[in-house]
N, C-alpha and C. Protein backbone atom coordinates (compact mmCIF):
# COMPACT_ATOMS: atom_id res chain seq x y z
N MET A 1 3.00 25.49 -25.79
CA MET A 1 3.17 24.96 -24.66
C MET A 1 3.03 23.39 -24.54
N HIS A 2 3.63 22.64 -23.80
CA HIS A 2 3.66 21.19 -23.65
C HIS A 2 2.23 20.88 -22.99
N LYS A 3 1.68 19.64 -23.31
CA LYS A 3 0.52 19.09 -22.58
C LYS A 3 0.89 18.17 -21.53
N GLN A 4 1.94 17.51 -21.69
CA GLN A 4 2.28 16.38 -20.62
C GLN A 4 3.78 16.40 -20.60
N ILE A 5 4.26 15.71 -19.54
CA ILE A 5 5.59 15.40 -19.28
C ILE A 5 5.73 13.99 -19.08
N PHE A 6 6.69 13.18 -19.50
CA PHE A 6 6.99 11.77 -19.28
C PHE A 6 8.47 11.93 -18.84
N VAL A 7 8.57 11.62 -17.54
CA VAL A 7 9.97 11.37 -16.96
C VAL A 7 10.28 9.92 -17.03
N ASN A 8 11.51 9.83 -17.59
CA ASN A 8 11.97 8.40 -17.72
C ASN A 8 13.09 8.14 -16.81
N LEU A 9 12.87 6.91 -16.08
CA LEU A 9 13.95 6.58 -15.15
C LEU A 9 14.36 5.19 -15.19
N PRO A 10 15.70 4.76 -15.11
CA PRO A 10 16.12 3.63 -15.17
C PRO A 10 15.77 2.64 -13.81
N VAL A 11 15.38 1.38 -13.92
CA VAL A 11 15.24 0.72 -12.75
C VAL A 11 15.86 -0.69 -12.96
N LYS A 12 16.40 -1.31 -11.70
CA LYS A 12 17.04 -2.61 -11.79
C LYS A 12 16.02 -3.72 -11.93
N ASP A 13 14.94 -3.51 -11.13
CA ASP A 13 14.01 -4.78 -10.94
C ASP A 13 12.61 -3.93 -11.13
N LEU A 14 11.95 -4.22 -12.46
CA LEU A 14 10.81 -3.56 -12.76
C LEU A 14 9.60 -3.95 -11.76
N ALA A 15 9.40 -5.38 -11.40
CA ALA A 15 8.49 -5.72 -10.69
C ALA A 15 8.59 -5.15 -9.17
N ARG A 16 9.55 -5.14 -8.66
CA ARG A 16 10.00 -4.47 -7.34
C ARG A 16 9.67 -2.93 -7.46
N ALA A 17 10.06 -2.27 -8.39
CA ALA A 17 9.74 -0.90 -8.50
C ALA A 17 8.22 -0.72 -8.66
N LYS A 18 7.55 -1.47 -9.50
CA LYS A 18 6.06 -1.42 -9.60
C LYS A 18 5.45 -1.57 -8.16
N GLU A 19 5.89 -2.52 -7.43
CA GLU A 19 5.34 -2.80 -6.15
C GLU A 19 5.38 -1.65 -5.25
N PHE A 20 6.64 -0.92 -5.38
CA PHE A 20 6.83 0.17 -4.53
C PHE A 20 5.87 1.28 -4.66
N TRP A 21 5.81 1.62 -6.03
CA TRP A 21 5.07 2.77 -6.56
C TRP A 21 3.49 2.44 -6.18
N SER A 22 3.20 1.26 -6.37
CA SER A 22 1.72 0.76 -6.09
C SER A 22 1.32 1.09 -4.69
N SER A 23 2.36 0.73 -3.81
CA SER A 23 2.25 0.98 -2.43
C SER A 23 1.93 2.32 -1.93
N LEU A 24 2.49 3.26 -2.69
CA LEU A 24 2.43 4.70 -2.34
C LEU A 24 0.95 5.14 -2.99
N GLY A 25 0.25 4.35 -3.70
CA GLY A 25 -1.04 4.68 -4.07
C GLY A 25 -1.21 5.08 -5.42
N TYR A 26 -0.09 4.89 -6.27
CA TYR A 26 -0.07 5.22 -7.84
C TYR A 26 -0.47 4.06 -8.58
N SER A 27 -1.12 4.37 -9.68
CA SER A 27 -1.55 3.28 -10.54
C SER A 27 -0.83 3.49 -11.95
N PHE A 28 -0.90 2.58 -12.83
CA PHE A 28 -0.16 2.45 -14.10
C PHE A 28 -0.97 2.53 -15.38
N ASP A 29 -0.61 3.27 -16.38
CA ASP A 29 -1.07 3.23 -17.61
C ASP A 29 -0.77 1.97 -18.47
N SER A 30 -1.62 1.04 -18.68
CA SER A 30 -1.22 -0.01 -19.48
C SER A 30 -0.76 0.14 -20.85
N LYS A 31 -1.31 1.15 -21.54
CA LYS A 31 -0.94 1.41 -22.84
C LYS A 31 0.56 1.77 -23.02
N PHE A 32 1.21 2.22 -21.99
CA PHE A 32 2.50 2.63 -22.03
C PHE A 32 3.52 1.69 -21.12
N SER A 33 2.82 0.54 -20.66
CA SER A 33 3.69 -0.38 -20.03
C SER A 33 3.78 -1.67 -20.74
N GLY A 34 4.89 -2.46 -20.40
CA GLY A 34 5.09 -3.61 -21.08
C GLY A 34 5.96 -4.59 -20.16
N GLU A 35 6.72 -5.50 -20.73
CA GLU A 35 7.71 -6.32 -20.11
C GLU A 35 8.77 -5.67 -19.52
N LYS A 36 9.18 -4.52 -20.19
CA LYS A 36 10.49 -3.94 -19.76
C LYS A 36 10.09 -2.44 -19.38
N SER A 37 8.90 -2.15 -19.29
CA SER A 37 8.50 -0.67 -18.87
C SER A 37 7.16 -0.59 -18.13
N ALA A 38 7.08 0.35 -17.25
CA ALA A 38 5.76 0.61 -16.59
C ALA A 38 5.47 2.13 -16.55
N CYS A 39 4.38 2.65 -16.77
CA CYS A 39 4.04 4.11 -16.77
C CYS A 39 3.13 4.30 -15.56
N ILE A 40 3.85 5.11 -14.67
CA ILE A 40 3.20 5.60 -13.44
C ILE A 40 2.35 6.80 -13.82
N ILE A 41 1.10 6.77 -13.32
CA ILE A 41 0.24 8.11 -13.54
C ILE A 41 0.32 8.76 -12.14
N MET A 42 1.00 10.01 -12.23
CA MET A 42 1.34 10.90 -11.09
C MET A 42 0.30 12.04 -11.12
N GLY A 43 -0.26 12.22 -12.09
CA GLY A 43 -1.08 13.50 -12.25
C GLY A 43 -1.77 13.39 -13.65
N GLU A 44 -2.67 14.17 -14.04
CA GLU A 44 -3.43 14.34 -15.20
C GLU A 44 -2.44 14.36 -16.41
N SER A 45 -1.35 15.15 -16.19
CA SER A 45 -0.32 15.41 -17.20
C SER A 45 1.06 14.98 -16.74
N ILE A 46 1.29 14.19 -15.71
CA ILE A 46 2.59 13.84 -15.32
C ILE A 46 2.67 12.39 -15.23
N LEU A 47 3.60 11.81 -16.09
CA LEU A 47 3.73 10.40 -16.16
C LEU A 47 5.18 10.11 -16.06
N VAL A 48 5.42 8.98 -15.20
CA VAL A 48 6.87 8.59 -14.94
C VAL A 48 7.00 7.16 -15.66
N MET A 49 7.96 7.09 -16.63
CA MET A 49 8.23 5.87 -17.18
C MET A 49 9.33 5.26 -16.43
N LEU A 50 9.05 4.03 -15.94
CA LEU A 50 10.14 3.16 -15.31
C LEU A 50 10.66 2.10 -16.54
N LEU A 51 11.97 2.20 -16.81
CA LEU A 51 12.36 1.38 -17.85
C LEU A 51 13.51 0.64 -17.39
N VAL A 52 13.57 -0.77 -17.61
CA VAL A 52 14.60 -1.48 -17.15
C VAL A 52 15.92 -1.04 -17.71
N GLU A 53 17.13 -1.08 -17.01
CA GLU A 53 18.12 -0.24 -17.44
C GLU A 53 18.69 -0.59 -18.88
N ASP A 54 18.51 -1.70 -19.31
CA ASP A 54 19.01 -1.98 -20.77
C ASP A 54 18.10 -1.22 -21.73
N LEU A 55 16.89 -1.20 -21.46
CA LEU A 55 15.98 -0.32 -22.47
C LEU A 55 16.23 1.06 -22.25
N PHE A 56 16.38 1.57 -21.00
CA PHE A 56 16.72 2.98 -20.80
C PHE A 56 18.03 3.36 -21.39
N ALA A 57 19.16 2.56 -21.48
CA ALA A 57 20.37 2.82 -21.96
C ALA A 57 20.29 2.81 -23.57
N SER A 58 19.38 2.14 -24.07
CA SER A 58 19.26 2.21 -25.56
C SER A 58 18.70 3.61 -26.02
N PHE A 59 17.99 4.35 -25.14
CA PHE A 59 17.55 5.69 -25.58
C PHE A 59 18.50 6.79 -25.07
N ALA A 60 19.25 6.42 -24.11
CA ALA A 60 20.09 7.61 -23.53
C ALA A 60 21.35 7.88 -24.25
N HIS A 61 21.94 6.81 -24.82
CA HIS A 61 23.01 6.91 -25.66
C HIS A 61 24.34 7.44 -24.83
N LYS A 62 24.35 7.46 -23.41
CA LYS A 62 25.34 7.74 -22.50
C LYS A 62 25.39 6.60 -21.46
N PRO A 63 26.41 6.49 -20.64
CA PRO A 63 26.33 5.52 -19.58
C PRO A 63 25.07 5.89 -18.61
N VAL A 64 24.51 4.89 -18.14
CA VAL A 64 23.52 5.00 -17.04
C VAL A 64 24.15 5.32 -15.69
N CYS A 65 23.56 6.41 -15.09
CA CYS A 65 24.00 6.79 -13.85
C CYS A 65 23.48 5.79 -12.71
N ASP A 66 24.44 5.53 -11.78
CA ASP A 66 23.85 4.73 -10.58
C ASP A 66 23.42 5.83 -9.64
N ALA A 67 22.07 5.85 -9.41
CA ALA A 67 21.30 6.92 -8.75
C ALA A 67 21.68 6.71 -7.16
N HIS A 68 22.20 5.50 -6.68
CA HIS A 68 22.65 5.29 -5.27
C HIS A 68 23.96 5.97 -4.99
N GLU A 69 24.67 6.44 -6.06
CA GLU A 69 25.99 6.97 -5.88
C GLU A 69 26.06 8.45 -6.38
N ARG A 70 25.20 8.82 -7.36
CA ARG A 70 25.21 10.22 -8.03
C ARG A 70 23.82 10.67 -8.13
N VAL A 71 23.61 11.96 -8.12
CA VAL A 71 22.29 12.60 -8.34
C VAL A 71 22.28 13.46 -9.55
N GLU A 72 21.40 13.08 -10.58
CA GLU A 72 21.38 13.94 -11.67
C GLU A 72 20.26 15.01 -11.59
N VAL A 73 19.19 14.65 -10.89
CA VAL A 73 17.85 15.43 -10.86
C VAL A 73 17.06 14.84 -9.52
N LEU A 74 16.42 15.92 -8.84
CA LEU A 74 15.54 15.64 -7.74
C LEU A 74 14.10 15.95 -8.28
N HIS A 75 13.23 15.16 -8.28
CA HIS A 75 11.91 15.32 -8.67
C HIS A 75 11.01 15.99 -7.51
N ALA A 76 10.28 16.95 -7.61
CA ALA A 76 9.49 17.69 -6.68
C ALA A 76 7.94 17.35 -7.13
N LEU A 77 7.27 16.86 -6.10
CA LEU A 77 5.90 16.59 -6.25
C LEU A 77 5.19 17.56 -5.38
N SER A 78 4.06 18.23 -5.91
CA SER A 78 3.25 19.14 -5.27
C SER A 78 2.34 18.12 -4.42
N CYS A 79 2.03 18.51 -3.18
CA CYS A 79 1.07 17.82 -2.45
C CYS A 79 0.02 18.80 -2.00
N ASP A 80 -1.16 18.29 -1.58
CA ASP A 80 -2.16 19.12 -1.16
C ASP A 80 -1.93 19.95 0.14
N ASN A 81 -1.28 19.24 0.97
CA ASN A 81 -1.08 19.93 2.37
C ASN A 81 -0.18 19.03 3.13
N ARG A 82 0.29 19.50 4.38
CA ARG A 82 1.20 18.81 5.22
C ARG A 82 0.89 17.35 5.50
N GLU A 83 -0.43 17.08 5.68
CA GLU A 83 -0.82 15.66 5.80
C GLU A 83 -0.52 14.65 4.74
N HIS A 84 -0.64 15.34 3.31
CA HIS A 84 -0.48 14.69 2.20
C HIS A 84 1.04 14.31 2.14
N VAL A 85 1.90 15.32 2.51
CA VAL A 85 3.27 15.02 2.61
C VAL A 85 3.66 14.04 3.53
N ASP A 86 3.03 14.07 4.68
CA ASP A 86 3.45 13.09 5.78
C ASP A 86 3.02 11.78 5.33
N THR A 87 1.82 11.61 4.78
CA THR A 87 1.25 10.31 4.44
C THR A 87 2.12 9.64 3.38
N LEU A 88 2.58 10.50 2.42
CA LEU A 88 3.43 9.91 1.32
C LEU A 88 4.71 9.37 1.79
N ILE A 89 5.31 10.38 2.72
CA ILE A 89 6.53 10.00 3.32
C ILE A 89 6.54 8.62 4.07
N ALA A 90 5.38 8.56 4.75
CA ALA A 90 5.28 7.39 5.54
C ALA A 90 5.02 5.97 4.72
N LYS A 91 4.25 6.14 3.63
CA LYS A 91 4.22 5.06 2.65
C LYS A 91 5.45 4.64 2.08
N ALA A 92 6.31 5.66 1.70
CA ALA A 92 7.58 5.58 1.01
C ALA A 92 8.47 4.74 1.96
N ARG A 93 8.57 5.21 3.20
CA ARG A 93 9.33 4.56 4.29
C ARG A 93 9.06 3.15 4.62
N ALA A 94 7.62 2.89 4.66
CA ALA A 94 7.21 1.62 4.94
C ALA A 94 7.51 0.65 3.71
N ALA A 95 7.61 1.21 2.42
CA ALA A 95 7.86 0.44 1.14
C ALA A 95 9.38 0.31 0.97
N GLY A 96 10.24 0.80 1.80
CA GLY A 96 11.71 0.61 1.74
C GLY A 96 12.52 1.80 1.21
N ALA A 97 11.94 2.97 1.11
CA ALA A 97 12.58 4.20 0.73
C ALA A 97 13.56 4.66 1.75
N THR A 98 14.51 5.45 1.32
CA THR A 98 15.42 6.03 2.18
C THR A 98 14.90 7.44 2.31
N ILE A 99 14.78 7.83 3.70
CA ILE A 99 14.37 9.18 4.13
C ILE A 99 15.56 9.81 4.65
N PRO A 100 16.25 10.73 3.90
CA PRO A 100 17.60 11.42 4.33
C PRO A 100 17.48 12.65 5.38
N ASP A 101 16.34 13.21 5.48
CA ASP A 101 16.20 14.29 6.44
C ASP A 101 14.84 14.30 6.97
N GLU A 102 14.71 15.13 8.07
CA GLU A 102 13.31 15.29 8.57
C GLU A 102 12.54 16.29 7.90
N ALA A 103 11.34 16.31 8.12
CA ALA A 103 10.55 17.45 7.25
C ALA A 103 10.94 18.77 7.71
N GLU A 104 10.69 19.71 6.74
CA GLU A 104 11.11 21.07 7.04
C GLU A 104 10.03 21.89 6.86
N ASP A 105 9.78 22.81 7.68
CA ASP A 105 8.59 23.82 7.61
C ASP A 105 9.21 25.15 7.30
N HIS A 106 9.05 25.67 6.30
CA HIS A 106 9.57 26.99 6.01
C HIS A 106 8.61 28.20 6.14
N GLY A 107 7.39 27.87 6.56
CA GLY A 107 6.43 28.87 6.64
C GLY A 107 5.53 28.89 5.45
N PHE A 108 6.04 29.14 4.35
CA PHE A 108 5.34 29.22 3.07
C PHE A 108 5.29 27.92 2.41
N MET A 109 6.09 26.90 2.94
CA MET A 109 6.25 25.55 2.18
C MET A 109 6.51 24.53 3.42
N TYR A 110 5.97 23.41 3.29
CA TYR A 110 6.49 22.30 4.02
C TYR A 110 6.81 21.08 3.26
N ALA A 111 8.02 20.41 3.44
CA ALA A 111 8.58 19.65 2.52
C ALA A 111 9.28 18.57 3.16
N GLN A 112 9.49 17.38 2.63
CA GLN A 112 10.27 16.26 3.03
C GLN A 112 10.64 15.36 1.71
N GLY A 113 11.70 14.68 1.79
CA GLY A 113 12.10 13.97 0.58
C GLY A 113 12.36 12.51 0.85
N PHE A 114 12.46 11.75 -0.07
CA PHE A 114 12.79 10.30 -0.17
C PHE A 114 13.63 9.82 -1.42
N TYR A 115 14.33 8.90 -1.27
CA TYR A 115 15.01 8.17 -2.41
C TYR A 115 14.34 6.83 -2.52
N ASP A 116 13.80 6.51 -3.81
CA ASP A 116 13.12 5.33 -4.03
C ASP A 116 14.15 4.17 -4.08
N LEU A 117 13.69 3.01 -4.34
CA LEU A 117 14.43 1.80 -4.37
C LEU A 117 15.66 1.77 -5.25
N ASP A 118 15.55 2.55 -6.33
CA ASP A 118 16.57 2.61 -7.20
C ASP A 118 17.42 4.02 -7.07
N GLY A 119 17.22 4.66 -6.02
CA GLY A 119 18.01 5.77 -5.53
C GLY A 119 17.52 7.19 -6.27
N HIS A 120 16.55 7.22 -6.86
CA HIS A 120 16.06 8.44 -7.44
C HIS A 120 15.46 9.27 -6.45
N GLY A 121 15.56 10.57 -6.35
CA GLY A 121 15.31 11.55 -5.38
C GLY A 121 13.98 12.20 -5.55
N TRP A 122 13.12 12.18 -4.63
CA TRP A 122 11.77 12.82 -4.71
C TRP A 122 11.59 13.66 -3.59
N ASN A 123 11.28 14.89 -3.76
CA ASN A 123 10.82 15.83 -2.65
C ASN A 123 9.34 16.20 -2.89
N CYS A 124 8.60 15.95 -1.70
CA CYS A 124 7.23 16.17 -1.55
C CYS A 124 7.08 17.48 -0.77
N CYS A 125 6.27 18.42 -1.48
CA CYS A 125 6.11 19.83 -1.07
C CYS A 125 4.61 20.22 -1.02
N ALA A 126 4.42 20.99 0.15
CA ALA A 126 3.07 21.48 0.26
C ALA A 126 3.22 22.99 0.35
N TRP A 127 2.66 23.72 -0.49
CA TRP A 127 2.72 25.30 -0.27
C TRP A 127 1.49 25.76 0.60
N VAL A 128 1.81 26.70 1.37
CA VAL A 128 0.85 27.29 2.14
C VAL A 128 0.46 28.51 1.48
N PRO A 129 -1.04 28.66 1.49
CA PRO A 129 -1.46 29.86 0.73
C PRO A 129 -0.85 31.19 1.24
N GLU A 130 -0.66 32.10 0.42
CA GLU A 130 0.12 33.38 0.87
C GLU A 130 -0.75 34.01 2.06
N ALA A 131 -1.97 33.96 2.16
CA ALA A 131 -2.67 34.64 3.21
C ALA A 131 -2.32 33.86 4.56
N GLU A 132 -2.23 32.72 4.46
CA GLU A 132 -1.91 31.93 5.73
C GLU A 132 -0.51 31.85 6.24
N SER A 133 0.60 32.32 5.29
CA SER A 133 1.81 32.10 5.68
C SER A 133 2.44 33.42 6.33
N LYS A 134 1.56 34.48 6.47
CA LYS A 134 2.07 35.70 7.03
C LYS A 134 1.96 35.62 8.53
């Protein structure tokens, strides 16, 4: 089994992207960060590499998708509870994210999403314990 996942994302303006993610409460791992990259620590084993587009393209070997126009993947983040979802969405909105929909309560799960400054999609989800969802 794998011990970690590094999600690599292209960004147009690294400083602006770092400011956005910092305002949501995330920190960065300096050993994986540099002039053209920054590593967001999202969890013990979840790391997101923000790479300026030319660096990202050098690894991708295909044209880089404009995430404002097309979606390749939606990232889902587990949250502790509804309040955690709402707080993260509020911080994202205040930092300039696009919030496409209202929160959804499915009984077993509460969720809402946002698109970051580079158009990458993120869903924030809190699962209700099975005993409480009945």
